[in-house]
N, C-alpha and C. Protein backbone atom coordinates (compact mmCIF):
# COMPACT_ATOMS: atom_id res chain seq x y z
N MET A 1 -66.59 44.11 153.90
CA MET A 1 -66.33 44.64 152.55
C MET A 1 -66.33 46.16 152.61
N PRO A 2 -65.29 46.83 152.05
CA PRO A 2 -65.21 48.28 152.17
C PRO A 2 -66.31 48.95 151.38
N SER A 3 -66.80 50.08 151.89
CA SER A 3 -67.80 50.86 151.18
C SER A 3 -67.17 51.52 149.97
N LYS A 4 -68.02 52.05 149.10
CA LYS A 4 -67.52 52.69 147.88
C LYS A 4 -66.70 53.93 148.19
N SER A 5 -66.94 54.52 149.36
CA SER A 5 -66.21 55.74 149.71
C SER A 5 -64.84 55.45 150.31
N THR A 6 -64.58 54.17 150.63
CA THR A 6 -63.30 53.82 151.22
C THR A 6 -62.22 53.83 150.16
N PRO A 7 -61.10 54.55 150.36
CA PRO A 7 -60.03 54.58 149.36
C PRO A 7 -59.47 53.19 149.13
N ASP A 8 -59.11 52.90 147.92
CA ASP A 8 -58.49 51.63 147.58
C ASP A 8 -57.10 51.56 148.22
N ALA A 9 -56.89 50.58 149.07
CA ALA A 9 -55.61 50.48 149.78
C ALA A 9 -54.46 50.22 148.82
N LEU A 10 -54.78 49.72 147.62
CA LEU A 10 -53.73 49.41 146.66
C LEU A 10 -53.42 50.58 145.73
N SER A 11 -54.22 51.63 145.80
CA SER A 11 -54.00 52.79 144.92
C SER A 11 -52.72 53.51 145.35
N PRO A 12 -51.92 53.96 144.37
CA PRO A 12 -50.71 54.69 144.74
C PRO A 12 -51.04 56.02 145.38
N PRO A 13 -50.23 56.48 146.34
CA PRO A 13 -50.51 57.76 146.98
C PRO A 13 -50.38 58.91 145.99
N THR A 14 -51.15 59.94 146.22
CA THR A 14 -51.07 61.12 145.36
C THR A 14 -49.74 61.82 145.61
N PRO A 15 -48.95 62.08 144.56
CA PRO A 15 -47.65 62.72 144.77
C PRO A 15 -47.81 64.12 145.33
N SER A 16 -46.86 64.52 146.16
CA SER A 16 -46.88 65.86 146.72
C SER A 16 -46.53 66.87 145.64
N ALA A 17 -46.78 68.14 145.93
CA ALA A 17 -46.44 69.21 144.98
C ALA A 17 -44.94 69.23 144.72
N ARG A 18 -44.15 68.96 145.76
CA ARG A 18 -42.69 68.93 145.60
C ARG A 18 -42.27 67.80 144.67
N ASP A 19 -42.89 66.62 144.85
CA ASP A 19 -42.55 65.48 143.99
C ASP A 19 -42.98 65.73 142.55
N ARG A 20 -44.15 66.34 142.38
CA ARG A 20 -44.61 66.65 141.02
C ARG A 20 -43.65 67.64 140.35
N ALA A 21 -43.21 68.62 141.13
CA ALA A 21 -42.27 69.61 140.58
C ALA A 21 -40.94 68.94 140.22
N TYR A 22 -40.47 68.07 141.10
CA TYR A 22 -39.21 67.37 140.83
C TYR A 22 -39.32 66.55 139.55
N ASP A 23 -40.37 65.75 139.44
CA ASP A 23 -40.54 64.89 138.26
C ASP A 23 -40.63 65.72 136.98
N TRP A 24 -41.38 66.81 137.04
CA TRP A 24 -41.58 67.62 135.83
C TRP A 24 -40.26 68.25 135.39
N ILE A 25 -39.52 68.84 136.34
CA ILE A 25 -38.26 69.52 135.98
C ILE A 25 -37.22 68.52 135.52
N ALA A 26 -37.09 67.40 136.24
CA ALA A 26 -36.10 66.38 135.85
C ALA A 26 -36.38 65.86 134.46
N ASN A 27 -37.66 65.56 134.16
CA ASN A 27 -38.00 65.06 132.83
C ASN A 27 -37.78 66.12 131.76
N ALA A 28 -38.02 67.38 132.10
CA ALA A 28 -37.79 68.45 131.13
C ALA A 28 -36.31 68.59 130.80
N ILE A 29 -35.45 68.40 131.80
CA ILE A 29 -34.01 68.46 131.57
C ILE A 29 -33.57 67.26 130.73
N LEU A 30 -34.06 66.07 131.10
CA LEU A 30 -33.67 64.86 130.38
C LEU A 30 -34.15 64.87 128.93
N SER A 31 -35.32 65.46 128.69
CA SER A 31 -35.87 65.47 127.33
C SER A 31 -35.27 66.57 126.47
N GLY A 32 -34.49 67.47 127.09
CA GLY A 32 -33.88 68.54 126.32
C GLY A 32 -34.71 69.81 126.25
N THR A 33 -35.85 69.85 126.96
CA THR A 33 -36.65 71.07 127.00
C THR A 33 -35.81 72.23 127.53
N TYR A 34 -34.99 71.92 128.53
CA TYR A 34 -34.04 72.90 129.06
C TYR A 34 -32.63 72.43 128.71
N SER A 35 -31.86 73.29 128.08
CA SER A 35 -30.53 72.93 127.61
C SER A 35 -29.49 73.11 128.71
N GLU A 36 -28.36 72.45 128.54
CA GLU A 36 -27.26 72.63 129.47
C GLU A 36 -26.83 74.09 129.50
N GLY A 37 -26.64 74.61 130.71
CA GLY A 37 -26.24 76.00 130.87
C GLY A 37 -27.40 76.96 130.97
N GLU A 38 -28.62 76.51 130.69
CA GLU A 38 -29.79 77.39 130.72
C GLU A 38 -30.23 77.64 132.16
N PHE A 39 -30.64 78.88 132.45
CA PHE A 39 -31.18 79.22 133.76
C PHE A 39 -32.68 78.95 133.79
N LEU A 40 -33.16 78.46 134.93
CA LEU A 40 -34.56 78.10 135.08
C LEU A 40 -35.29 79.20 135.86
N ASP A 41 -36.44 79.57 135.38
CA ASP A 41 -37.23 80.63 135.99
C ASP A 41 -38.25 80.01 136.94
N GLU A 42 -38.16 80.32 138.23
CA GLU A 42 -39.06 79.71 139.22
C GLU A 42 -40.52 80.04 138.94
N VAL A 43 -40.80 81.26 138.53
CA VAL A 43 -42.18 81.66 138.26
C VAL A 43 -42.74 80.85 137.09
N GLY A 44 -41.94 80.73 136.03
CA GLY A 44 -42.38 79.95 134.88
C GLY A 44 -42.56 78.48 135.21
N LEU A 45 -41.65 77.93 136.02
CA LEU A 45 -41.76 76.53 136.42
C LEU A 45 -43.02 76.31 137.26
N ALA A 46 -43.29 77.23 138.18
CA ALA A 46 -44.49 77.10 139.01
C ALA A 46 -45.75 77.10 138.15
N ARG A 47 -45.76 77.93 137.13
CA ARG A 47 -46.91 77.98 136.22
C ARG A 47 -47.05 76.68 135.44
N GLU A 48 -45.92 76.14 134.96
CA GLU A 48 -45.95 74.90 134.18
C GLU A 48 -46.42 73.71 135.03
N VAL A 49 -45.91 73.63 136.25
CA VAL A 49 -46.22 72.50 137.12
C VAL A 49 -47.58 72.66 137.79
N GLY A 50 -48.00 73.92 137.96
CA GLY A 50 -49.27 74.18 138.64
C GLY A 50 -49.13 74.18 140.15
N THR A 51 -48.02 74.76 140.65
CA THR A 51 -47.79 74.83 142.09
C THR A 51 -47.35 76.24 142.45
N SER A 52 -47.15 76.46 143.75
CA SER A 52 -46.53 77.70 144.19
C SER A 52 -45.02 77.59 143.99
N ARG A 53 -44.30 78.63 144.33
CA ARG A 53 -42.85 78.61 144.12
C ARG A 53 -42.12 77.78 145.18
N THR A 54 -42.74 77.56 146.34
CA THR A 54 -42.06 76.81 147.40
C THR A 54 -41.74 75.37 146.99
N PRO A 55 -42.70 74.60 146.43
CA PRO A 55 -42.34 73.25 145.95
C PRO A 55 -41.29 73.27 144.85
N ILE A 56 -41.29 74.33 144.03
CA ILE A 56 -40.29 74.44 142.97
C ILE A 56 -38.91 74.58 143.60
N ARG A 57 -38.78 75.44 144.60
CA ARG A 57 -37.49 75.62 145.27
C ARG A 57 -37.03 74.31 145.92
N GLU A 58 -37.95 73.61 146.56
CA GLU A 58 -37.60 72.34 147.21
C GLU A 58 -37.13 71.32 146.17
N ALA A 59 -37.82 71.29 145.03
CA ALA A 59 -37.42 70.36 143.96
C ALA A 59 -36.05 70.72 143.41
N LEU A 60 -35.78 72.01 143.28
CA LEU A 60 -34.48 72.45 142.74
C LEU A 60 -33.35 72.09 143.69
N HIS A 61 -33.59 72.14 144.99
CA HIS A 61 -32.55 71.73 145.94
C HIS A 61 -32.26 70.24 145.81
N ARG A 62 -33.30 69.44 145.61
CA ARG A 62 -33.08 68.01 145.39
C ARG A 62 -32.32 67.78 144.08
N LEU A 63 -32.68 68.52 143.05
CA LEU A 63 -32.01 68.38 141.76
C LEU A 63 -30.55 68.83 141.84
N ARG A 64 -30.28 69.79 142.70
CA ARG A 64 -28.87 70.18 142.90
C ARG A 64 -28.11 69.03 143.55
N ALA A 65 -28.71 68.39 144.56
CA ALA A 65 -28.05 67.27 145.23
C ALA A 65 -27.78 66.13 144.26
N GLU A 66 -28.65 65.97 143.26
CA GLU A 66 -28.48 64.91 142.27
C GLU A 66 -27.70 65.39 141.05
N ARG A 67 -27.21 66.62 141.10
CA ARG A 67 -26.31 67.18 140.09
C ARG A 67 -26.99 67.37 138.73
N PHE A 68 -28.28 67.65 138.77
CA PHE A 68 -28.98 68.07 137.56
C PHE A 68 -28.78 69.57 137.33
N VAL A 69 -28.74 70.34 138.42
CA VAL A 69 -28.63 71.80 138.32
C VAL A 69 -27.58 72.30 139.30
N GLU A 70 -27.16 73.53 139.05
CA GLU A 70 -26.34 74.29 140.00
C GLU A 70 -27.18 75.47 140.48
N LEU A 71 -27.09 75.82 141.77
CA LEU A 71 -27.77 77.00 142.29
C LEU A 71 -26.76 78.14 142.37
N VAL A 72 -26.90 79.09 141.49
CA VAL A 72 -25.94 80.19 141.35
C VAL A 72 -26.46 81.39 142.15
N PRO A 73 -25.67 81.93 143.10
CA PRO A 73 -26.11 83.08 143.90
C PRO A 73 -26.58 84.24 143.02
N ARG A 74 -27.73 84.79 143.36
CA ARG A 74 -28.33 85.96 142.70
C ARG A 74 -28.75 85.69 141.26
N LYS A 75 -28.60 84.45 140.79
CA LYS A 75 -29.03 84.13 139.42
C LYS A 75 -30.05 83.00 139.38
N GLY A 76 -29.98 82.10 140.34
CA GLY A 76 -30.95 81.01 140.37
C GLY A 76 -30.37 79.69 139.93
N ALA A 77 -31.25 78.79 139.50
CA ALA A 77 -30.86 77.43 139.13
C ALA A 77 -30.44 77.38 137.66
N GLN A 78 -29.31 76.74 137.42
CA GLN A 78 -28.78 76.59 136.07
C GLN A 78 -28.57 75.10 135.79
N VAL A 79 -29.02 74.65 134.62
CA VAL A 79 -28.84 73.24 134.23
C VAL A 79 -27.35 72.96 134.10
N ARG A 80 -26.87 71.92 134.81
CA ARG A 80 -25.45 71.58 134.80
C ARG A 80 -25.01 71.10 133.43
N VAL A 81 -23.78 71.44 133.09
CA VAL A 81 -23.14 70.93 131.88
C VAL A 81 -22.38 69.67 132.26
N VAL A 82 -22.70 68.56 131.59
CA VAL A 82 -21.99 67.31 131.83
C VAL A 82 -20.71 67.32 131.00
N THR A 83 -19.57 67.18 131.64
CA THR A 83 -18.27 67.29 130.97
C THR A 83 -17.71 65.92 130.60
N VAL A 84 -16.69 65.93 129.75
CA VAL A 84 -15.99 64.70 129.40
C VAL A 84 -15.39 64.06 130.64
N THR A 85 -14.81 64.88 131.52
CA THR A 85 -14.20 64.36 132.74
C THR A 85 -15.23 63.64 133.60
N GLU A 86 -16.40 64.24 133.77
CA GLU A 86 -17.45 63.61 134.57
C GLU A 86 -17.91 62.31 133.93
N MET A 87 -18.06 62.30 132.61
CA MET A 87 -18.47 61.08 131.92
C MET A 87 -17.47 59.96 132.18
N ARG A 88 -16.18 60.26 132.05
CA ARG A 88 -15.15 59.25 132.28
C ARG A 88 -15.18 58.75 133.71
N GLU A 89 -15.35 59.66 134.66
CA GLU A 89 -15.33 59.26 136.06
C GLU A 89 -16.53 58.38 136.41
N ILE A 90 -17.70 58.70 135.85
CA ILE A 90 -18.88 57.87 136.09
C ILE A 90 -18.68 56.48 135.52
N TYR A 91 -18.16 56.40 134.30
CA TYR A 91 -17.91 55.09 133.69
C TYR A 91 -16.88 54.29 134.49
N GLN A 92 -15.86 54.97 134.98
CA GLN A 92 -14.84 54.27 135.78
C GLN A 92 -15.43 53.72 137.07
N ALA A 93 -16.26 54.52 137.74
CA ALA A 93 -16.90 54.08 138.98
C ALA A 93 -17.84 52.91 138.70
N ARG A 94 -18.59 53.02 137.62
CA ARG A 94 -19.50 51.92 137.26
C ARG A 94 -18.74 50.63 136.99
N TYR A 95 -17.62 50.74 136.28
CA TYR A 95 -16.87 49.53 135.93
C TYR A 95 -16.37 48.83 137.20
N VAL A 96 -15.84 49.60 138.13
CA VAL A 96 -15.33 49.00 139.37
C VAL A 96 -16.43 48.25 140.11
N ILE A 97 -17.59 48.89 140.26
CA ILE A 97 -18.68 48.29 141.02
C ILE A 97 -19.29 47.11 140.27
N GLU A 98 -19.54 47.29 138.97
CA GLU A 98 -20.21 46.23 138.21
C GLU A 98 -19.30 45.03 137.99
N ALA A 99 -18.02 45.25 137.76
CA ALA A 99 -17.10 44.12 137.57
C ALA A 99 -17.02 43.28 138.85
N ASP A 100 -17.02 43.95 139.99
CA ASP A 100 -17.02 43.22 141.25
C ASP A 100 -18.29 42.39 141.40
N ALA A 101 -19.43 42.97 141.01
CA ALA A 101 -20.70 42.24 141.10
C ALA A 101 -20.70 41.03 140.17
N LEU A 102 -20.21 41.19 138.94
CA LEU A 102 -20.17 40.08 138.00
C LEU A 102 -19.28 38.95 138.52
N THR A 103 -18.17 39.31 139.12
CA THR A 103 -17.26 38.31 139.69
C THR A 103 -17.97 37.47 140.74
N LYS A 104 -18.71 38.13 141.63
CA LYS A 104 -19.43 37.42 142.69
C LYS A 104 -20.57 36.57 142.13
N ILE A 105 -21.32 37.14 141.18
CA ILE A 105 -22.44 36.41 140.60
C ILE A 105 -21.97 35.13 139.92
N CYS A 106 -20.90 35.23 139.15
CA CYS A 106 -20.39 34.06 138.44
C CYS A 106 -19.77 33.05 139.40
N ALA A 107 -19.07 33.52 140.42
CA ALA A 107 -18.45 32.61 141.39
C ALA A 107 -19.51 31.80 142.12
N ARG A 108 -20.66 32.43 142.36
CA ARG A 108 -21.74 31.73 143.07
C ARG A 108 -22.69 31.01 142.11
N ARG A 109 -22.43 31.15 140.81
CA ARG A 109 -23.23 30.48 139.77
C ARG A 109 -24.71 30.84 139.91
N LEU A 110 -24.95 32.15 140.09
CA LEU A 110 -26.31 32.63 140.29
C LEU A 110 -27.08 32.81 138.99
N GLY A 111 -26.35 33.03 137.90
CA GLY A 111 -27.01 33.37 136.65
C GLY A 111 -27.49 34.81 136.68
N ALA A 112 -28.00 35.30 135.56
CA ALA A 112 -28.46 36.68 135.46
C ALA A 112 -29.76 36.87 136.26
N PRO A 113 -30.01 38.08 136.76
CA PRO A 113 -31.27 38.34 137.46
C PRO A 113 -32.47 38.00 136.57
N ALA A 114 -33.57 37.57 137.19
CA ALA A 114 -34.74 37.10 136.44
C ALA A 114 -35.28 38.15 135.48
N GLU A 115 -35.21 39.43 135.86
CA GLU A 115 -35.82 40.47 135.03
C GLU A 115 -34.91 40.95 133.90
N SER A 116 -33.68 40.45 133.82
CA SER A 116 -32.72 40.96 132.84
C SER A 116 -33.23 40.85 131.41
N HIS A 117 -33.77 39.69 131.05
CA HIS A 117 -34.24 39.49 129.68
C HIS A 117 -35.40 40.43 129.36
N GLU A 118 -36.30 40.63 130.31
CA GLU A 118 -37.43 41.53 130.09
C GLU A 118 -36.97 42.96 129.91
N LEU A 119 -35.99 43.39 130.70
CA LEU A 119 -35.49 44.76 130.58
C LEU A 119 -34.81 44.98 129.24
N VAL A 120 -34.03 44.00 128.77
CA VAL A 120 -33.38 44.12 127.48
C VAL A 120 -34.43 44.23 126.37
N ALA A 121 -35.45 43.42 126.44
CA ALA A 121 -36.52 43.46 125.43
C ALA A 121 -37.25 44.80 125.47
N ALA A 122 -37.48 45.33 126.68
CA ALA A 122 -38.17 46.62 126.81
C ALA A 122 -37.33 47.75 126.24
N MET A 123 -36.01 47.69 126.42
CA MET A 123 -35.13 48.71 125.84
C MET A 123 -35.20 48.69 124.32
N GLU A 124 -35.22 47.50 123.77
CA GLU A 124 -35.27 47.38 122.31
C GLU A 124 -36.61 47.89 121.77
N ALA A 125 -37.69 47.67 122.52
CA ALA A 125 -39.00 48.19 122.11
C ALA A 125 -39.01 49.72 122.17
N ALA A 126 -38.40 50.28 123.22
CA ALA A 126 -38.35 51.74 123.36
C ALA A 126 -37.53 52.38 122.26
N ARG A 127 -36.52 51.66 121.75
CA ARG A 127 -35.73 52.20 120.64
C ARG A 127 -36.58 52.45 119.41
N ARG A 128 -37.54 51.59 119.16
CA ARG A 128 -38.40 51.76 117.99
C ARG A 128 -39.22 53.04 118.07
N ASP A 129 -39.48 53.50 119.31
CA ASP A 129 -40.22 54.75 119.51
C ASP A 129 -39.28 55.94 119.72
N GLU A 130 -37.96 55.68 119.66
CA GLU A 130 -36.95 56.71 119.92
C GLU A 130 -37.20 57.40 121.26
N ASP A 131 -37.56 56.60 122.25
CA ASP A 131 -37.84 57.10 123.59
C ASP A 131 -36.56 56.99 124.42
N TRP A 132 -35.67 57.98 124.26
CA TRP A 132 -34.35 57.92 124.88
C TRP A 132 -34.44 57.90 126.41
N ASN A 133 -35.37 58.67 126.96
CA ASN A 133 -35.49 58.72 128.42
C ASN A 133 -35.86 57.34 128.98
N SER A 134 -36.83 56.68 128.36
CA SER A 134 -37.23 55.35 128.82
C SER A 134 -36.08 54.35 128.69
N ILE A 135 -35.35 54.43 127.59
CA ILE A 135 -34.21 53.53 127.40
C ILE A 135 -33.18 53.74 128.51
N ALA A 136 -32.89 55.00 128.81
CA ALA A 136 -31.91 55.30 129.85
C ALA A 136 -32.37 54.79 131.21
N GLN A 137 -33.66 54.95 131.52
CA GLN A 137 -34.19 54.46 132.79
C GLN A 137 -34.10 52.94 132.86
N LEU A 138 -34.46 52.26 131.77
CA LEU A 138 -34.41 50.80 131.73
C LEU A 138 -32.97 50.30 131.82
N ASP A 139 -32.07 51.00 131.14
CA ASP A 139 -30.66 50.62 131.17
C ASP A 139 -30.11 50.69 132.59
N GLN A 140 -30.47 51.76 133.30
CA GLN A 140 -30.01 51.89 134.69
C GLN A 140 -30.56 50.76 135.55
N ARG A 141 -31.82 50.41 135.35
CA ARG A 141 -32.43 49.31 136.11
C ARG A 141 -31.71 47.98 135.81
N PHE A 142 -31.36 47.78 134.55
CA PHE A 142 -30.66 46.56 134.14
C PHE A 142 -29.33 46.42 134.89
N HIS A 143 -28.53 47.47 134.85
CA HIS A 143 -27.21 47.41 135.47
C HIS A 143 -27.29 47.42 137.00
N ALA A 144 -28.22 48.21 137.55
CA ALA A 144 -28.40 48.22 139.01
C ALA A 144 -28.86 46.84 139.49
N GLY A 145 -29.66 46.16 138.67
CA GLY A 145 -30.11 44.83 139.03
C GLY A 145 -28.96 43.84 139.16
N LEU A 146 -27.97 43.99 138.29
CA LEU A 146 -26.79 43.13 138.38
C LEU A 146 -26.05 43.36 139.70
N VAL A 147 -25.91 44.63 140.07
CA VAL A 147 -25.19 44.95 141.30
C VAL A 147 -25.95 44.42 142.52
N ARG A 148 -27.26 44.61 142.55
CA ARG A 148 -28.06 44.09 143.67
C ARG A 148 -27.99 42.57 143.74
N HIS A 149 -27.96 41.93 142.57
CA HIS A 149 -27.97 40.47 142.50
C HIS A 149 -26.74 39.86 143.18
N ALA A 150 -25.66 40.63 143.25
CA ALA A 150 -24.43 40.13 143.87
C ALA A 150 -24.56 40.03 145.39
N GLY A 151 -25.54 40.74 145.97
CA GLY A 151 -25.83 40.56 147.39
C GLY A 151 -25.13 41.49 148.36
N ASN A 152 -24.39 42.50 147.85
CA ASN A 152 -23.73 43.46 148.74
C ASN A 152 -24.60 44.72 148.80
N ALA A 153 -25.36 44.87 149.89
CA ALA A 153 -26.32 45.97 150.00
C ALA A 153 -25.64 47.34 150.00
N VAL A 154 -24.47 47.43 150.64
CA VAL A 154 -23.75 48.71 150.68
C VAL A 154 -23.30 49.11 149.28
N MET A 155 -22.75 48.14 148.53
CA MET A 155 -22.32 48.43 147.17
C MET A 155 -23.52 48.82 146.29
N ALA A 156 -24.65 48.15 146.51
CA ALA A 156 -25.86 48.48 145.75
C ALA A 156 -26.32 49.90 146.05
N ASP A 157 -26.22 50.33 147.31
CA ASP A 157 -26.61 51.69 147.67
C ASP A 157 -25.67 52.71 147.03
N ILE A 158 -24.38 52.42 147.02
CA ILE A 158 -23.42 53.33 146.39
C ILE A 158 -23.73 53.45 144.91
N TYR A 159 -24.00 52.31 144.27
CA TYR A 159 -24.31 52.33 142.84
C TYR A 159 -25.59 53.12 142.58
N GLU A 160 -26.59 52.93 143.42
CA GLU A 160 -27.87 53.61 143.24
C GLU A 160 -27.71 55.13 143.36
N SER A 161 -26.74 55.57 144.15
CA SER A 161 -26.51 57.01 144.30
C SER A 161 -26.07 57.65 142.98
N LEU A 162 -25.55 56.85 142.07
CA LEU A 162 -25.14 57.36 140.76
C LEU A 162 -26.32 57.48 139.79
N ARG A 163 -27.48 56.98 140.18
CA ARG A 163 -28.60 56.84 139.26
C ARG A 163 -28.95 58.11 138.49
N PRO A 164 -29.19 59.27 139.15
CA PRO A 164 -29.58 60.46 138.38
C PRO A 164 -28.52 60.86 137.35
N ARG A 165 -27.25 60.81 137.73
CA ARG A 165 -26.17 61.20 136.82
C ARG A 165 -26.03 60.17 135.70
N GLN A 166 -26.20 58.90 136.05
CA GLN A 166 -26.09 57.83 135.07
C GLN A 166 -27.18 57.97 134.01
N ILE A 167 -28.41 58.25 134.43
CA ILE A 167 -29.52 58.39 133.48
C ILE A 167 -29.32 59.61 132.59
N ARG A 168 -28.92 60.72 133.20
CA ARG A 168 -28.72 61.93 132.39
C ARG A 168 -27.60 61.73 131.37
N LEU A 169 -26.55 61.06 131.79
CA LEU A 169 -25.44 60.77 130.88
C LEU A 169 -25.92 59.88 129.74
N ALA A 170 -26.72 58.86 130.05
CA ALA A 170 -27.22 57.95 129.02
C ALA A 170 -28.11 58.67 128.02
N VAL A 171 -28.97 59.55 128.51
CA VAL A 171 -29.85 60.30 127.60
C VAL A 171 -29.03 61.15 126.64
N LYS A 172 -28.01 61.82 127.18
CA LYS A 172 -27.16 62.65 126.32
C LYS A 172 -26.44 61.79 125.29
N ASN A 173 -25.95 60.62 125.72
CA ASN A 173 -25.27 59.71 124.79
C ASN A 173 -26.20 59.28 123.67
N LEU A 174 -27.44 58.94 124.03
CA LEU A 174 -28.40 58.45 123.03
C LEU A 174 -28.79 59.55 122.05
N HIS A 175 -28.96 60.76 122.57
CA HIS A 175 -29.26 61.89 121.68
C HIS A 175 -28.11 62.12 120.69
N SER A 176 -26.87 61.97 121.19
CA SER A 176 -25.70 62.25 120.37
C SER A 176 -25.42 61.15 119.35
N SER A 177 -25.63 59.89 119.75
CA SER A 177 -25.25 58.76 118.89
C SER A 177 -26.30 57.66 118.93
N PRO A 178 -27.52 57.92 118.42
CA PRO A 178 -28.55 56.88 118.45
C PRO A 178 -28.20 55.67 117.60
N GLU A 179 -27.27 55.85 116.66
CA GLU A 179 -26.88 54.72 115.80
C GLU A 179 -26.14 53.63 116.59
N ARG A 180 -25.69 53.93 117.80
CA ARG A 180 -24.99 52.94 118.60
C ARG A 180 -25.94 51.96 119.31
N LEU A 181 -27.23 52.24 119.29
CA LEU A 181 -28.16 51.42 120.05
C LEU A 181 -28.14 49.94 119.68
N PRO A 182 -28.08 49.57 118.40
CA PRO A 182 -28.00 48.13 118.09
C PRO A 182 -26.77 47.47 118.72
N VAL A 183 -25.66 48.21 118.78
CA VAL A 183 -24.44 47.67 119.41
C VAL A 183 -24.66 47.49 120.91
N ILE A 184 -25.26 48.49 121.54
CA ILE A 184 -25.53 48.42 122.98
C ILE A 184 -26.45 47.24 123.28
N GLU A 185 -27.48 47.06 122.45
CA GLU A 185 -28.42 45.96 122.66
C GLU A 185 -27.73 44.60 122.54
N ARG A 186 -26.85 44.48 121.55
CA ARG A 186 -26.12 43.22 121.38
C ARG A 186 -25.24 42.94 122.60
N GLU A 187 -24.58 43.99 123.11
CA GLU A 187 -23.72 43.81 124.28
C GLU A 187 -24.52 43.40 125.51
N HIS A 188 -25.72 43.97 125.67
CA HIS A 188 -26.57 43.56 126.78
C HIS A 188 -26.89 42.06 126.70
N ARG A 189 -27.28 41.61 125.52
CA ARG A 189 -27.64 40.20 125.36
C ARG A 189 -26.42 39.29 125.57
N GLU A 190 -25.27 39.72 125.08
CA GLU A 190 -24.05 38.93 125.27
C GLU A 190 -23.68 38.87 126.75
N LEU A 191 -23.88 39.97 127.46
CA LEU A 191 -23.55 40.01 128.88
C LEU A 191 -24.46 39.05 129.67
N VAL A 192 -25.75 39.08 129.37
CA VAL A 192 -26.68 38.18 130.05
C VAL A 192 -26.31 36.72 129.78
N ALA A 193 -25.97 36.41 128.53
CA ALA A 193 -25.60 35.04 128.17
C ALA A 193 -24.35 34.59 128.92
N ALA A 194 -23.36 35.46 129.01
CA ALA A 194 -22.12 35.10 129.72
C ALA A 194 -22.37 34.88 131.21
N ILE A 195 -23.24 35.70 131.79
CA ILE A 195 -23.57 35.53 133.21
C ILE A 195 -24.29 34.20 133.42
N ASP A 196 -25.23 33.89 132.53
CA ASP A 196 -25.96 32.64 132.65
C ASP A 196 -25.04 31.42 132.49
N GLU A 197 -23.92 31.61 131.79
CA GLU A 197 -22.94 30.54 131.63
C GLU A 197 -21.90 30.55 132.75
N HIS A 198 -22.07 31.48 133.70
CA HIS A 198 -21.16 31.62 134.86
C HIS A 198 -19.72 31.90 134.43
N ASP A 199 -19.58 32.62 133.30
CA ASP A 199 -18.26 32.89 132.73
C ASP A 199 -17.80 34.27 133.20
N ARG A 200 -17.05 34.29 134.28
CA ARG A 200 -16.62 35.55 134.86
C ARG A 200 -15.75 36.36 133.91
N ASP A 201 -14.75 35.74 133.30
CA ASP A 201 -13.82 36.47 132.44
C ASP A 201 -14.54 37.08 131.25
N ARG A 202 -15.42 36.32 130.64
CA ARG A 202 -16.16 36.82 129.48
C ARG A 202 -17.12 37.94 129.90
N SER A 203 -17.77 37.79 131.05
CA SER A 203 -18.70 38.82 131.53
C SER A 203 -17.99 40.15 131.75
N VAL A 204 -16.84 40.10 132.43
CA VAL A 204 -16.09 41.32 132.72
C VAL A 204 -15.53 41.93 131.43
N GLU A 205 -15.12 41.07 130.49
CA GLU A 205 -14.63 41.56 129.21
C GLU A 205 -15.73 42.32 128.46
N ILE A 206 -16.93 41.75 128.42
CA ILE A 206 -18.05 42.41 127.74
C ILE A 206 -18.38 43.73 128.43
N LEU A 207 -18.36 43.74 129.76
CA LEU A 207 -18.63 44.98 130.49
C LEU A 207 -17.61 46.05 130.13
N GLY A 208 -16.34 45.67 130.04
CA GLY A 208 -15.30 46.64 129.69
C GLY A 208 -15.53 47.25 128.32
N VAL A 209 -15.96 46.42 127.37
CA VAL A 209 -16.28 46.93 126.03
C VAL A 209 -17.51 47.83 126.08
N HIS A 210 -18.50 47.41 126.87
CA HIS A 210 -19.76 48.14 126.98
C HIS A 210 -19.56 49.55 127.54
N LEU A 211 -18.60 49.69 128.46
CA LEU A 211 -18.36 50.99 129.10
C LEU A 211 -17.13 51.70 128.55
N ARG A 212 -16.69 51.30 127.39
CA ARG A 212 -15.48 51.89 126.81
C ARG A 212 -15.76 53.32 126.35
N GLU A 213 -14.68 54.05 126.13
CA GLU A 213 -14.79 55.39 125.56
C GLU A 213 -15.05 55.28 124.07
N VAL A 214 -16.02 56.02 123.59
CA VAL A 214 -16.36 56.03 122.17
C VAL A 214 -16.04 57.42 121.62
N PRO A 215 -15.24 57.51 120.55
CA PRO A 215 -14.81 58.82 120.07
C PRO A 215 -15.93 59.81 119.82
N GLU A 216 -17.05 59.35 119.21
CA GLU A 216 -18.12 60.30 118.90
C GLU A 216 -18.77 60.85 120.18
N LEU A 217 -18.77 60.07 121.26
CA LEU A 217 -19.31 60.57 122.52
C LEU A 217 -18.36 61.58 123.15
N ILE A 218 -17.06 61.31 123.05
CA ILE A 218 -16.07 62.27 123.55
C ILE A 218 -16.25 63.62 122.84
N ARG A 219 -16.45 63.55 121.53
CA ARG A 219 -16.65 64.80 120.77
C ARG A 219 -17.92 65.50 121.22
N ALA A 220 -19.00 64.73 121.44
CA ALA A 220 -20.27 65.33 121.86
C ALA A 220 -20.15 66.02 123.20
N PHE A 221 -19.39 65.44 124.13
CA PHE A 221 -19.26 66.02 125.45
C PHE A 221 -18.22 67.12 125.49
N SER A 222 -17.48 67.29 124.43
CA SER A 222 -16.44 68.33 124.39
C SER A 222 -16.93 69.60 123.73
N ARG A 223 -18.15 69.58 123.20
CA ARG A 223 -18.64 70.77 122.49
C ARG A 223 -18.89 71.91 123.45
């Protein structure tokens, strides 16, 4: 039996300073603390996170790779502006990957992933708290779960690479048009039902509607 001084093997590891900096800055961008186009001050970020400037720089390089920020010579890190073109391209890429996954899932009569219903319910609960970031994270897990469920590991990795951009896009959409959430929730439930019925055509049709262009979002991204 381990002594009281022995660390609990099940306890999560303490995050590094770089990881803490990454999480803090990413969440600040997603929550709107830092606006699109705003420059980030390394000294101020280090003070907020409680680290030296080195972990801040490392976090900013990761955030650049994930397209949260741009590193501008002699000016520093600037929060990226998400454009209408980028929004359309992300939705197009998602549709191609997700439609392929739905086709395979229905052909194999796998039904929806086990966690789908729980994730949909969690999104609806988060809406009551107007927790846009949590909804966006859950939404990404829901759709990524469908892609993984199809069994193509390479396709799942490609889809996962879109995760940071997908979440940031979703947060911006929710901030711009929170009134669409009941529609999004209904589409999620309809999609799960169609998958459980192994209805490929209906599943892909619902996905196409779910990822369609919405005029109010186009206006929001064009400002």
